[in-house]
Structures are given as C-alpha cells and as structure tokens.
Protein backbone atom coordinates (compact mmCIF):
# COMPACT_ATOMS: atom_id res chain seq x y z
CA MET A 1 46.81 -75.18 -38.20
CA ASN A 2 45.91 -75.56 -34.50
CA ILE A 3 44.25 -78.81 -33.45
CA LEU A 4 42.61 -79.67 -30.12
CA GLY A 5 41.51 -83.11 -29.01
CA ILE A 6 39.35 -82.71 -25.90
CA ASP A 7 37.86 -85.51 -23.80
CA ILE A 8 35.53 -84.05 -21.17
CA GLY A 9 34.85 -86.96 -18.87
CA TYR A 10 32.86 -87.29 -15.69
CA SER A 11 36.07 -87.78 -13.69
CA ASN A 12 38.84 -86.14 -15.70
CA LEU A 13 39.34 -83.47 -18.33
CA LYS A 14 41.91 -84.67 -20.88
CA LEU A 15 43.50 -82.59 -23.63
CA ALA A 16 45.87 -83.21 -26.53
CA PHE A 17 46.72 -80.11 -28.52
CA GLY A 18 49.21 -78.44 -30.80
CA PRO A 19 49.90 -77.52 -34.43
CA LYS A 20 49.23 -80.06 -37.15
CA GLY A 21 52.11 -82.43 -37.79
CA GLU A 22 53.92 -81.74 -34.52
CA SER A 23 53.88 -83.77 -31.30
CA ALA A 24 50.80 -83.13 -29.20
CA LYS A 25 51.00 -81.65 -25.72
CA THR A 26 48.71 -83.17 -23.09
CA HIS A 27 46.94 -81.94 -19.97
CA LEU A 28 44.97 -83.79 -17.31
CA ARG A 29 42.71 -82.10 -14.75
CA PRO A 30 39.99 -83.41 -12.43
CA ALA A 31 36.54 -82.85 -13.95
CA GLY A 32 35.06 -80.81 -11.13
CA ALA A 33 33.48 -77.47 -12.02
CA ALA A 34 31.12 -75.23 -10.07
CA PRO A 35 30.27 -71.55 -9.56
CA ALA A 36 33.11 -69.73 -7.82
CA ASP A 37 30.90 -68.79 -4.87
CA ARG A 38 30.43 -72.50 -4.01
CA PHE A 39 34.01 -72.77 -2.76
CA GLY A 40 33.46 -70.63 0.32
CA SER A 41 36.27 -69.89 2.76
CA ARG A 42 38.43 -72.75 1.44
CA PHE A 43 38.85 -70.92 -1.82
CA ASP A 44 41.89 -68.89 -0.84
CA GLY A 45 45.63 -68.95 -0.45
CA ARG A 46 47.80 -71.33 -2.44
CA ALA A 47 44.89 -73.62 -3.30
CA GLN A 48 43.56 -70.87 -5.54
CA ASP A 49 46.65 -71.16 -7.73
CA GLU A 50 45.57 -74.65 -8.82
CA PHE A 51 42.15 -73.57 -10.07
CA LEU A 52 41.04 -72.24 -13.44
CA HIS A 53 38.62 -69.32 -13.53
CA VAL A 54 36.26 -69.32 -16.52
CA LEU A 55 32.98 -67.72 -17.53
CA VAL A 56 29.78 -69.66 -18.27
CA HIS A 57 27.09 -67.39 -19.67
CA GLY A 58 28.61 -64.49 -17.74
CA GLN A 59 28.92 -66.34 -14.42
CA GLU A 60 32.32 -67.08 -12.89
CA PHE A 61 33.08 -70.78 -12.50
CA VAL A 62 36.05 -72.63 -11.09
CA ALA A 63 37.00 -75.68 -13.16
CA GLY A 64 39.56 -78.46 -13.15
CA VAL A 65 39.22 -79.35 -9.47
CA SER A 66 38.13 -82.44 -7.58
CA PRO A 67 34.31 -82.57 -7.56
CA ASP A 68 34.20 -82.74 -3.76
CA ARG A 69 35.87 -79.32 -3.37
CA ALA A 70 32.68 -77.37 -4.06
CA GLU A 71 30.02 -76.79 -1.40
CA MET A 72 26.29 -77.20 -2.15
CA TRP A 73 26.99 -78.43 -5.67
CA THR A 74 26.51 -81.91 -7.12
CA ARG A 75 28.50 -83.34 -10.02
CA SER A 76 26.51 -84.17 -13.14
CA LEU A 77 26.26 -87.96 -13.39
CA HIS A 78 23.59 -88.26 -16.05
CA ALA A 79 23.20 -88.60 -19.80
CA ASP A 80 22.55 -84.86 -20.32
CA TYR A 81 26.03 -84.01 -19.03
CA THR A 82 26.93 -82.17 -22.24
CA ALA A 83 24.10 -79.67 -21.62
CA SER A 84 25.19 -78.89 -18.05
CA ALA A 85 26.92 -75.74 -16.82
CA SER A 86 29.75 -77.87 -15.43
CA TYR A 87 30.43 -79.36 -18.87
CA GLU A 88 30.49 -75.88 -20.40
CA ALA A 89 32.90 -74.71 -17.69
CA LEU A 90 35.23 -77.65 -18.37
CA PHE A 91 35.06 -76.98 -22.09
CA HIS A 92 36.10 -73.37 -21.50
CA ALA A 93 38.85 -74.59 -19.15
CA GLY A 94 40.10 -76.85 -21.93
CA LEU A 95 40.17 -73.95 -24.39
CA LEU A 96 42.12 -71.92 -21.83
CA LEU A 97 44.64 -74.72 -21.22
CA SER A 98 45.18 -75.21 -24.95
CA GLU A 99 47.04 -71.86 -25.03
CA MET A 100 45.34 -71.03 -28.35
CA ASP A 101 43.24 -68.04 -29.38
CA ARG A 102 42.04 -69.88 -32.48
CA VAL A 103 41.36 -73.60 -32.79
CA ASP A 104 41.14 -74.62 -36.44
CA VAL A 105 39.93 -78.17 -35.76
CA LEU A 106 38.46 -79.49 -32.51
CA VAL A 107 37.69 -83.20 -32.16
CA THR A 108 35.77 -84.64 -29.24
CA GLY A 109 33.74 -87.74 -28.47
CA LEU A 110 30.48 -89.01 -27.03
CA PRO A 111 29.59 -92.32 -25.39
CA VAL A 112 28.54 -94.78 -28.10
CA SER A 113 24.85 -94.77 -27.20
CA GLN A 114 24.79 -90.95 -27.35
CA TYR A 115 26.87 -90.75 -30.52
CA LEU A 116 24.27 -92.85 -32.33
CA ASP A 117 21.73 -90.09 -31.59
CA GLU A 118 22.29 -87.72 -34.53
CA ALA A 119 20.47 -84.82 -32.88
CA ARG A 120 22.65 -85.04 -29.76
CA ARG A 121 25.79 -85.32 -31.86
CA ASN A 122 24.90 -82.28 -33.95
CA ALA A 123 23.92 -80.26 -30.88
CA LEU A 124 27.33 -80.82 -29.29
CA ALA A 125 29.15 -79.82 -32.47
CA GLU A 126 27.07 -76.65 -32.71
CA GLN A 127 27.65 -75.91 -29.02
CA MET A 128 31.44 -76.10 -29.38
CA CYS A 129 31.78 -74.26 -32.69
CA GLY A 130 32.13 -70.48 -32.76
CA THR A 131 33.66 -67.79 -30.56
CA HIS A 132 33.71 -68.42 -26.80
CA GLN A 133 34.19 -65.85 -24.03
CA VAL A 134 36.24 -68.05 -21.70
CA THR A 135 37.34 -65.25 -19.31
CA PRO A 136 36.44 -61.56 -19.11
CA LYS A 137 39.52 -60.69 -21.17
CA ARG A 138 39.95 -63.74 -23.39
CA THR A 139 38.02 -65.22 -26.28
CA VAL A 140 38.82 -68.39 -28.21
CA SER A 141 37.38 -69.17 -31.63
CA VAL A 142 36.69 -72.73 -32.77
CA GLU A 143 36.39 -73.00 -36.54
CA LYS A 144 35.47 -76.66 -37.07
CA VAL A 145 34.19 -79.41 -34.76
CA LYS A 146 34.13 -83.16 -35.33
CA VAL A 147 32.32 -85.51 -32.91
CA ILE A 148 33.19 -89.22 -32.96
CA PRO A 149 32.47 -92.27 -30.75
CA GLN A 150 34.82 -92.01 -27.76
CA PRO A 151 36.49 -95.43 -28.13
CA ILE A 152 37.56 -94.61 -31.70
CA GLY A 153 39.97 -92.07 -30.25
CA GLY A 154 41.58 -94.79 -28.16
CA LEU A 155 41.90 -97.06 -31.19
CA LEU A 156 43.64 -94.34 -33.21
CA ASP A 157 46.04 -93.77 -30.32
CA TYR A 158 46.83 -97.49 -30.11
CA ILE A 159 47.47 -97.72 -33.86
CA ALA A 160 49.83 -94.72 -33.71
CA GLN A 161 51.75 -96.00 -30.69
CA GLU A 162 52.20 -99.55 -31.94
CA ASP A 163 52.33 -98.76 -35.66
CA ALA A 164 49.70 -101.48 -35.82
CA ASP A 165 48.37 -102.88 -39.07
CA ILE A 166 44.71 -103.70 -38.41
CA GLU A 167 43.39 -103.25 -41.95
CA ASP A 168 42.10 -106.83 -42.15
CA ALA A 169 41.44 -107.29 -38.40
CA ARG A 170 38.21 -107.18 -36.44
CA VAL A 171 38.95 -105.08 -33.34
CA LEU A 172 36.92 -104.74 -30.16
CA VAL A 173 37.73 -101.44 -28.45
CA VAL A 174 36.62 -101.12 -24.80
CA ASP A 175 36.71 -97.72 -23.08
CA PRO A 176 35.86 -97.78 -19.34
CA GLY A 177 35.11 -94.32 -18.02
CA PHE A 178 33.70 -93.02 -14.76
CA PHE A 179 30.06 -92.85 -15.89
CA SER A 180 29.95 -95.47 -18.65
CA VAL A 181 31.86 -98.29 -20.28
CA ASP A 182 31.72 -97.94 -24.07
CA TRP A 183 32.76 -100.40 -26.70
CA VAL A 184 32.88 -100.51 -30.48
CA VAL A 185 33.67 -103.18 -33.04
CA VAL A 186 35.68 -101.97 -36.02
CA ALA A 187 36.38 -104.07 -39.11
CA HIS A 188 37.74 -102.85 -42.46
CA LYS A 189 37.54 -99.28 -41.09
CA ASP A 190 33.78 -99.64 -40.55
CA LEU A 191 32.03 -99.19 -37.20
CA HIS A 192 29.63 -102.08 -36.55
CA ARG A 193 26.82 -100.24 -34.80
CA GLN A 194 24.80 -103.30 -33.80
CA SER A 195 27.81 -104.76 -31.99
CA SER A 196 28.76 -101.53 -30.22
CA GLY A 197 27.23 -100.22 -27.03
CA THR A 198 27.34 -98.63 -23.60
CA SER A 199 27.05 -99.97 -20.04
CA LEU A 200 26.52 -97.78 -16.97
CA ASN A 201 28.31 -100.33 -14.74
CA ALA A 202 31.43 -98.21 -14.97
CA SER A 203 34.29 -97.08 -12.74
CA SER A 204 31.94 -95.13 -10.46
CA VAL A 205 30.01 -98.33 -9.72
CA ILE A 206 33.25 -100.16 -8.90
CA LEU A 207 34.26 -97.39 -6.49
CA GLU A 208 30.79 -97.49 -4.87
CA GLU A 209 31.13 -101.25 -4.38
CA ALA A 210 34.66 -100.81 -2.98
CA SER A 211 33.28 -98.25 -0.52
CA ARG A 212 30.61 -100.71 0.59
CA LEU A 213 33.23 -103.41 1.13
CA ILE A 214 35.40 -101.04 3.17
CA ALA A 215 32.42 -100.15 5.35
CA LYS A 216 31.72 -103.83 5.94
CA ASP A 217 35.26 -104.46 7.21
CA HIS A 218 36.06 -101.16 8.94
CA GLY A 219 32.75 -99.82 10.20
CA ALA A 220 32.46 -96.72 7.99
CA ALA A 221 32.24 -96.06 4.27
CA VAL A 222 34.55 -93.86 2.22
CA ASN A 223 32.84 -91.65 -0.35
CA THR A 224 33.57 -92.34 -3.99
CA GLU A 225 35.30 -88.96 -4.47
CA THR A 226 37.86 -89.88 -1.79
CA LEU A 227 38.58 -93.18 -3.53
CA GLU A 228 38.60 -91.46 -6.92
CA ASN A 229 41.12 -88.88 -5.71
CA ALA A 230 43.32 -91.59 -4.23
CA VAL A 231 43.32 -93.58 -7.49
CA ARG A 232 44.05 -90.44 -9.53
CA ALA A 233 46.96 -89.50 -7.26
CA GLY A 234 48.30 -93.06 -6.99
CA LYS A 235 47.81 -93.17 -3.22
CA PRO A 236 47.66 -96.71 -1.81
CA ALA A 237 45.50 -95.98 1.26
CA VAL A 238 42.77 -93.72 2.64
CA LEU A 239 41.80 -92.75 6.18
CA VAL A 240 38.84 -94.57 7.73
CA LEU A 241 38.02 -93.56 11.30
CA GLY A 242 41.62 -92.51 11.87
CA GLN A 243 43.24 -95.63 10.38
CA ARG A 244 44.95 -96.04 7.01
CA VAL A 245 43.18 -98.64 4.88
CA GLU A 246 44.76 -100.12 1.77
CA ILE A 247 42.32 -99.60 -1.09
CA THR A 248 43.72 -101.92 -3.77
CA PRO A 249 42.25 -105.18 -2.35
CA TYR A 250 38.80 -103.61 -2.14
CA ILE A 251 38.91 -102.17 -5.65
CA GLU A 252 40.13 -105.49 -7.02
CA GLN A 253 37.33 -107.33 -5.24
CA ALA A 254 34.77 -104.84 -6.54
CA ALA A 255 36.15 -105.21 -10.08
CA LYS A 256 35.73 -108.99 -9.85
CA THR A 257 32.03 -108.39 -9.17
CA ILE A 258 31.27 -105.60 -11.65
CA GLY A 259 33.70 -106.44 -14.47
CA PRO A 260 32.04 -109.71 -15.54
CA VAL A 261 28.64 -108.00 -15.67
CA VAL A 262 29.97 -105.48 -18.21
CA VAL A 263 31.81 -108.14 -20.19
CA GLU A 264 28.63 -110.21 -20.45
CA SER A 265 26.90 -107.20 -22.03
CA ILE A 266 29.77 -106.90 -24.49
CA GLN A 267 29.59 -110.59 -25.36
CA LYS A 268 25.84 -110.38 -25.95
CA SER A 269 26.34 -107.50 -28.35
CA LEU A 270 28.85 -109.59 -30.32
CA ARG A 271 26.21 -112.20 -31.19
CA THR A 272 25.44 -110.31 -34.41
CA GLU A 273 29.03 -110.62 -35.60
CA SER A 274 29.87 -113.24 -38.22
CA LYS A 275 33.17 -113.93 -36.45
CA MET A 276 34.84 -113.14 -33.15
CA PRO A 277 37.29 -110.24 -32.75
CA ASP A 278 40.97 -110.72 -33.54
CA LEU A 279 42.14 -108.17 -30.96
CA VAL A 280 40.84 -106.36 -27.88
CA VAL A 281 42.09 -102.81 -27.31
CA LEU A 282 41.43 -101.53 -23.78
CA VAL A 283 41.69 -97.76 -23.28
CA GLY A 284 40.54 -95.05 -20.88
CA GLY A 285 41.09 -94.08 -17.27
CA GLY A 286 39.33 -97.14 -15.88
CA ALA A 287 41.23 -99.65 -18.03
CA GLN A 288 42.90 -101.38 -15.06
CA PHE A 289 39.52 -102.14 -13.45
CA PHE A 290 38.30 -104.26 -16.36
CA ARG A 291 41.42 -105.93 -17.75
CA GLU A 292 41.07 -109.20 -15.81
CA ALA A 293 37.40 -109.65 -16.75
CA LEU A 294 38.12 -109.02 -20.43
CA GLN A 295 41.10 -111.37 -20.50
CA ASP A 296 39.03 -114.08 -18.82
CA ALA A 297 36.25 -113.61 -21.38
CA PHE A 298 38.62 -113.65 -24.37
CA PRO A 299 41.43 -115.97 -23.23
CA ARG A 300 42.79 -116.58 -26.73
CA LEU A 301 43.03 -112.90 -27.64
CA THR A 302 45.55 -110.20 -26.83
CA VAL A 303 44.12 -107.45 -24.62
CA ALA A 304 46.30 -104.49 -25.59
CA THR A 305 46.47 -101.14 -23.80
CA PRO A 306 48.28 -98.01 -25.06
CA ARG A 307 50.71 -96.18 -22.80
CA GLU A 308 48.99 -93.71 -20.45
CA PRO A 309 45.52 -94.99 -21.39
CA VAL A 310 43.80 -92.10 -19.60
CA PHE A 311 44.97 -89.87 -22.49
CA SER A 312 44.13 -92.37 -25.25
CA ASN A 313 40.91 -90.80 -26.47
CA ALA A 314 42.22 -87.23 -26.40
CA ARG A 315 45.40 -88.20 -28.26
CA GLY A 316 43.35 -90.12 -30.80
CA PHE A 317 41.02 -87.15 -31.25
CA TRP A 318 44.06 -84.97 -31.95
CA LEU A 319 45.37 -87.49 -34.47
CA MET A 320 42.02 -87.48 -36.26
CA GLY A 321 42.14 -83.69 -36.34
CA ASN A 322 45.37 -83.98 -38.29
CA THR A 323 43.49 -85.78 -41.08
CA LEU A 324 40.66 -83.24 -41.43
C-alpha cells in the first residue's frame, strides 16, 4: 500500500512517501513553478539537471525551482493558490518525486481558514484524486485523498517523534508558513474550531520587513526571494551593493516586530477556551521566526518543536495515511 504525504507550500514543496508500515522517505524542493518557456536562455546546461519537467493541461512546466528563476511570471501569493497552474505543476512534481505509479492514499493539508470551507476542501480532494498525466510518458493514479488542517500533520509528527502521550492534554499547534501562520487547539482528539485560525502575518511578511531594515542601513533593499533562498540554503549573508550583509540580525529584528502581532491573534482566539493550553507545539518551515514571541506569550509552557520542522506536516500526513 503506497502512501504519499504532500505539503505544497508557497515557499517549499515537502514530501513524505513510501509503503505502509515502513519508514517514510522525504523530499524538499523550492515551490517555484512556471511554464518552461519562461526560463529563457538561463534554462540550459547543468542548471537544467536540477529542474523537474511536468505537464499541466498539456503545457510543459518546470517545477521545484526558486520562484525568482522564471522570467515574466509571478508566484501565487493568494488564497486561491490551490486552483493555480503553479500549484498543479508542483502537485505533479510531487507525484513524480514519489517514484510511484499508483498512490493508494494521499494526504495533504489546507490552511485552517480554508480547511473550514467544506467546498474548498472537497474541491481539492477531487482535484488530486484520479489519474494524472505528469509527463508525456508517465501517468500516476491516486486512489484516495484525505485533506486535513495543515497543523494537524505537525502534531502527528511530534507525537511520533517524542512518543508523546497527549490524550488528556490541551495542545496549541502553531504552523508558520510563508503565506500564513495557522494554529489549532486540540483536546481529547477534538479540533476546537473556534480557537483555531489563520494569520497572514507570516514568514513572507518577516522577510519583507527584514528587507526594509536592510535598505534603511545599507541604502538598497534585498528582494524577499533572495532572503528566502539564503534562509533555505543556510547562508549567513547576502550581497547588497557589492558588500556582504549578515541577514540574521535583520530577520531577528523583523521577527520581534511581526511575531507578537501573530501571537496576539492566537491569544484572542483562545478566549473561548475553558482553560489554557498545556503544551505548545511549533512546526513548519518558519518555526524559528516565531519561537521567541510564543515563548514570551506562554512563559510557563513548553514550546516544543519536532526535528526538521520543515517536514513536520508532510511526515504527519504520511503517518495519517497509514491509519486510513
């Protein structure tokens, strides 16, 4: 039984896949995708080896690249991302990377605010189910699709890693992504919808603020894709007008501004709870940006993060697939 957990983010494509009961393999790719003809003269030589070629409604796309590689193409930073051609291209890239011709169970997620929209949830499941022509010579069939709130994947991953017993605990799960920060409250295996939510003051906003701060000190801004690529690659500095500028102080300063705004939204949503959480689980690729603000807001609680939090949702999706 082949299972695929796929987390198609605005910044990264994350996969966890493999047969039921075995250890999952993982893949991480940048979430850039555009028609192949938008890569111009740069699309040649060794760089081509890094790219994935897929079909979207008969058109050739390149997927799994940094969003700033394509010319005359803008990344989809909006709530209808799942309906975009780029999302479809990344989905097909994920099917290709899974090394499967048949996926028995696919589990994916939506931001909390979108998950609560039943029509949107059902549309995504219908979109992913069926037989997909991912390249001219390759099709992949998906037999069953399950869509869950994204942070639930991270919680399942945390439970598996720590062998955590949270049966009688009230857990706040916070999942900072590039486009949105999502959170859920789970108690006695129930999702508390009124205390769960989404904020758009996410990692992209932190990077925009960091860019503004860099421009203030060094005379020119750095675009968010440059900062995003540096963070993804673990590079400590970027070039600004020919000089290397350390980015960590600027990102930390930006996080001190944006993080508390998000945490205040989370705290407001918790007003409907009869008691405060017992544990905060912080997952997702932007986890490091929001840790300090969360710990300051909940000083008496443990803020726990699974290993390699960027894969948390995808691994959790795969684990859920094992139960279906």
